[in-house]
N, C-alpha and C. Protein backbone atom coordinates (compact mmCIF):
# COMPACT_ATOMS: atom_id res chain seq x y z
N ILE A 1 0.51 -0.60 -0.09
CA ILE A 1 0.18 -0.14 -0.07
C ILE A 1 1.01 1.24 0.10
N ASN A 2 0.70 2.38 -0.80
CA ASN A 2 1.40 3.67 -0.78
C ASN A 2 0.47 4.15 0.40
N ALA A 3 1.40 4.57 1.04
CA ALA A 3 0.54 4.90 2.29
C ALA A 3 0.30 6.95 1.76
N SER A 4 1.18 7.35 1.02
CA SER A 4 0.82 8.15 0.79
C SER A 4 -0.46 9.05 -0.31
N LEU A 5 -1.08 7.69 -0.55
CA LEU A 5 -1.74 7.80 -1.71
C LEU A 5 -3.24 7.69 -1.43
N THR A 6 -3.26 6.80 0.17
CA THR A 6 -4.31 6.69 1.02
C THR A 6 -5.08 7.54 1.70
N PRO A 7 -6.06 8.14 1.78
CA PRO A 7 -6.67 9.08 2.35
C PRO A 7 -6.48 8.97 3.94
N LEU A 8 -5.66 10.25 4.29
CA LEU A 8 -5.12 10.67 5.95
C LEU A 8 -6.79 10.41 6.49
N SER A 9 -7.99 10.48 6.80
CA SER A 9 -9.05 9.68 7.15
C SER A 9 -9.39 8.08 7.80
N GLU A 10 -8.75 8.10 5.93
CA GLU A 10 -8.48 5.96 5.95
C GLU A 10 -7.70 5.47 6.84
N HIS A 11 -6.61 6.33 6.65
CA HIS A 11 -5.41 5.72 7.73
C HIS A 11 -6.06 5.73 9.09
N TYR A 12 -6.41 6.99 10.02
CA TYR A 12 -6.77 6.70 11.04
C TYR A 12 -7.88 5.86 11.71
N ALA A 13 -8.79 6.14 10.20
CA ALA A 13 -9.58 4.63 10.73
C ALA A 13 -9.43 4.16 10.99
N THR A 14 -8.54 2.97 10.41
CA THR A 14 -7.97 2.09 9.92
C THR A 14 -7.13 1.62 12.43
N ASN A 15 -6.24 2.19 12.31
CA ASN A 15 -5.55 2.96 13.06
C ASN A 15 -7.04 3.02 14.61
N GLU A 16 -7.57 3.57 14.66
CA GLU A 16 -8.47 3.67 15.33
C GLU A 16 -9.43 1.87 15.89
N THR A 17 -9.62 1.04 14.57
CA THR A 17 -10.21 -0.27 14.34
C THR A 17 -8.76 -0.65 15.45
N LEU A 18 -7.34 -0.92 15.07
CA LEU A 18 -6.21 -1.37 15.45
C LEU A 18 -6.30 -1.61 16.84
N LEU A 19 -6.60 -0.18 17.13
CA LEU A 19 -6.13 0.75 18.63
C LEU A 19 -7.60 -0.35 19.52
N SER A 20 -8.66 -0.52 19.24
CA SER A 20 -9.81 -0.80 19.67
C SER A 20 -9.72 -2.56 19.64
N LEU A 21 -9.52 -3.28 18.64
CA LEU A 21 -8.51 -4.36 18.87
C LEU A 21 -7.63 -4.89 19.65
N PHE A 22 -6.29 -3.85 19.87
CA PHE A 22 -5.39 -4.26 20.76
C PHE A 22 -5.66 -4.06 22.45
N SER A 23 -6.72 -3.21 22.29
CA SER A 23 -6.91 -3.07 23.52
C SER A 23 -8.19 -4.15 24.39
N THR A 24 -9.07 -4.39 23.01
CA THR A 24 -9.77 -5.76 23.50
C THR A 24 -9.26 -6.89 23.77
N LEU A 25 -7.66 -7.33 22.94
CA LEU A 25 -7.18 -8.39 23.52
C LEU A 25 -6.36 -8.45 24.21
N TYR A 26 -5.83 -7.24 24.43
CA TYR A 26 -4.95 -7.29 25.96
C TYR A 26 -5.83 -6.84 27.11
N GLU A 27 -6.68 -6.25 27.35
CA GLU A 27 -8.26 -7.05 28.51
C GLU A 27 -7.94 -8.08 28.87
N LYS A 28 -8.34 -9.05 28.25
CA LYS A 28 -8.64 -10.19 27.98
C LYS A 28 -7.96 -11.08 28.01
N ASP A 29 -6.24 -10.96 27.71
CA ASP A 29 -5.12 -11.27 28.04
C ASP A 29 -4.47 -12.24 27.11
N GLN A 30 -5.04 -11.99 25.92
CA GLN A 30 -4.71 -12.68 24.65
C GLN A 30 -3.52 -11.53 24.01
N PHE A 31 -2.29 -11.78 24.94
CA PHE A 31 -1.17 -10.68 24.07
C PHE A 31 -0.28 -11.43 23.13
N SER A 32 -0.55 -12.91 22.80
CA SER A 32 0.32 -12.82 21.65
C SER A 32 -0.15 -11.86 20.09
N VAL A 33 -1.74 -11.77 20.25
CA VAL A 33 -2.16 -11.64 19.24
C VAL A 33 -2.75 -10.21 19.65
N ALA A 34 -2.54 -9.77 20.56
CA ALA A 34 -2.79 -8.07 20.89
C ALA A 34 -1.77 -7.73 20.94
N TYR A 35 -0.25 -7.65 20.42
CA TYR A 35 0.79 -8.28 20.65
C TYR A 35 1.08 -7.48 19.04
N ALA A 36 0.88 -8.20 18.03
CA ALA A 36 0.35 -8.46 16.58
C ALA A 36 -0.62 -7.08 16.63
N ALA A 37 -1.56 -6.86 16.68
CA ALA A 37 -2.43 -5.24 16.43
C ALA A 37 -1.65 -4.46 17.47
N GLY A 38 -0.74 -4.72 17.87
CA GLY A 38 -0.76 -3.30 18.77
C GLY A 38 0.83 -2.46 18.33
N VAL A 39 1.66 -3.76 17.68
CA VAL A 39 2.82 -3.29 16.61
C VAL A 39 2.10 -3.03 15.41
N LYS A 40 1.01 -3.00 14.81
CA LYS A 40 0.57 -3.04 13.37
C LYS A 40 0.17 -1.53 13.80
N PHE A 41 -0.03 -1.07 14.76
CA PHE A 41 -1.05 -0.22 15.14
C PHE A 41 -0.24 0.79 14.87
N VAL A 42 0.88 0.96 16.16
CA VAL A 42 2.26 1.75 16.10
C VAL A 42 2.85 2.04 15.02
N GLU A 43 2.82 1.06 14.14
CA GLU A 43 3.27 0.94 12.89
C GLU A 43 2.88 2.01 11.95
N VAL A 44 1.18 1.68 12.28
CA VAL A 44 0.36 2.75 10.84
C VAL A 44 0.89 3.82 11.38
N ALA A 45 0.50 4.41 12.77
CA ALA A 45 0.44 5.51 13.82
C ALA A 45 1.87 6.57 12.80
N LEU A 46 2.84 6.09 13.38
CA LEU A 46 4.46 6.49 13.38
C LEU A 46 4.99 6.16 12.46
N LEU A 47 4.69 5.45 11.34
CA LEU A 47 5.59 5.06 10.08
C LEU A 47 4.81 5.92 8.74
N GLN A 48 3.86 5.58 8.86
CA GLN A 48 2.55 5.06 7.79
C GLN A 48 1.41 6.42 7.85
N ILE A 49 1.36 6.99 8.30
CA ILE A 49 0.20 8.64 8.83
C ILE A 49 0.95 9.70 8.27
N PRO A 50 2.76 9.59 8.80
CA PRO A 50 3.39 10.92 8.62
C PRO A 50 3.66 10.96 6.93
N GLN A 51 3.45 9.94 6.53
CA GLN A 51 4.01 9.91 5.25
C GLN A 51 3.19 10.35 4.57
N ASN A 52 1.82 10.40 4.71
CA ASN A 52 0.74 11.46 4.24
C ASN A 52 0.57 12.82 3.91
N GLY A 53 0.62 13.40 2.41
CA GLY A 53 0.53 15.04 2.05
C GLY A 53 0.04 15.85 2.83
N TYR A 54 -1.28 15.11 3.45
CA TYR A 54 -2.14 16.38 4.31
C TYR A 54 -2.22 15.84 6.21
N PHE A 55 -0.63 15.03 6.54
CA PHE A 55 -0.55 14.98 7.96
C PHE A 55 -0.23 16.03 8.81
N LYS A 56 0.37 17.37 8.20
CA LYS A 56 0.55 18.31 9.16
C LYS A 56 -1.16 19.46 9.01
N SER A 57 -2.03 19.12 8.25
CA SER A 57 -2.87 19.68 8.14
C SER A 57 -3.96 20.21 9.51
N LYS A 58 -4.68 21.31 9.32
CA LYS A 58 -4.62 21.83 10.45
C LYS A 58 -6.30 20.87 10.55
N LYS A 59 -6.83 20.51 9.85
CA LYS A 59 -8.21 19.37 9.59
C LYS A 59 -7.61 18.27 10.37
N TYR A 60 -6.59 17.75 10.20
CA TYR A 60 -6.28 16.27 11.44
C TYR A 60 -5.58 16.89 12.64
N ARG A 61 -5.79 18.28 12.94
CA ARG A 61 -4.91 18.18 14.22
C ARG A 61 -5.27 17.11 16.00
N LYS A 62 -6.60 17.12 15.63
CA LYS A 62 -7.29 15.89 17.04
C LYS A 62 -6.77 14.92 16.74
N GLN A 63 -6.37 14.47 15.02
CA GLN A 63 -6.73 12.89 14.96
C GLN A 63 -4.99 12.61 14.85
N ARG A 64 -4.32 14.00 14.82
CA ARG A 64 -2.83 13.82 14.99
C ARG A 64 -2.00 13.30 15.94
N THR A 65 -3.30 14.62 17.52
CA THR A 65 -2.50 14.67 18.70
C THR A 65 -2.57 13.37 19.21
N LYS A 66 -4.48 12.71 18.89
CA LYS A 66 -5.08 11.36 19.71
C LYS A 66 -3.79 9.80 18.99
N SER A 67 -3.65 10.21 18.01
CA SER A 67 -2.92 8.98 17.61
C SER A 67 -1.07 9.83 17.75
N ALA A 68 -0.58 10.43 17.81
CA ALA A 68 0.61 10.20 18.86
C ALA A 68 0.51 9.59 20.24
N VAL A 69 -0.30 10.21 21.18
CA VAL A 69 -0.70 9.69 22.64
C VAL A 69 -1.43 8.44 22.33
N ASP A 70 -1.80 7.71 21.69
CA ASP A 70 -2.14 6.31 21.76
C ASP A 70 -1.25 5.64 21.61
N ALA A 71 -0.01 6.17 20.61
CA ALA A 71 1.03 5.00 20.09
C ALA A 71 1.85 4.70 21.20
N LEU A 72 2.38 6.48 21.53
CA LEU A 72 2.69 6.37 23.19
C LEU A 72 1.95 5.11 24.43
N ARG A 73 1.02 5.59 24.60
CA ARG A 73 0.34 4.66 25.75
C ARG A 73 0.46 3.25 25.68
N VAL A 74 0.67 2.70 23.53
CA VAL A 74 0.33 1.26 23.40
C VAL A 74 1.74 0.72 23.50
N THR A 75 2.90 1.54 22.81
CA THR A 75 4.18 1.60 23.01
C THR A 75 4.74 0.82 24.52
N LYS A 76 4.14 1.71 25.23
CA LYS A 76 4.78 1.28 26.60
C LYS A 76 3.97 0.05 27.28
N LEU A 77 2.90 0.14 27.29
CA LEU A 77 1.65 -0.94 26.92
C LEU A 77 2.63 -2.69 26.84
N LEU A 78 3.53 -2.81 25.06
CA LEU A 78 3.94 -3.31 24.30
C LEU A 78 5.36 -3.50 25.01
N GLY A 79 5.68 -3.01 25.58
CA GLY A 79 7.14 -2.96 26.33
C GLY A 79 6.86 -4.05 27.45
N GLY A 80 6.17 -4.05 27.85
CA GLY A 80 5.25 -4.69 29.38
C GLY A 80 4.99 -5.59 29.27
N MET A 81 5.13 -6.33 27.94
CA MET A 81 4.58 -7.55 26.99
C MET A 81 6.05 -8.56 26.95
N VAL A 82 6.77 -7.54 26.73
CA VAL A 82 8.12 -8.64 26.36
C VAL A 82 8.35 -9.08 27.46
């Protein structure tokens, strides 16, 4: 997938789904699958989304901030799972 050609709103929607999946699996102690979902979430949040041409647009400020905060939280949880 070419991240720069995918609409930014689609990236954020995908990541919200991944975050929800990660949270649900983590709460249910299904750590191996939660880990995979969490890593993918962080990858999209920190590597794919910033490649989009509209990443710094004011229109996406709230999503950008939320995504960064969520990525930090998930990264900390992932570190505790290793």
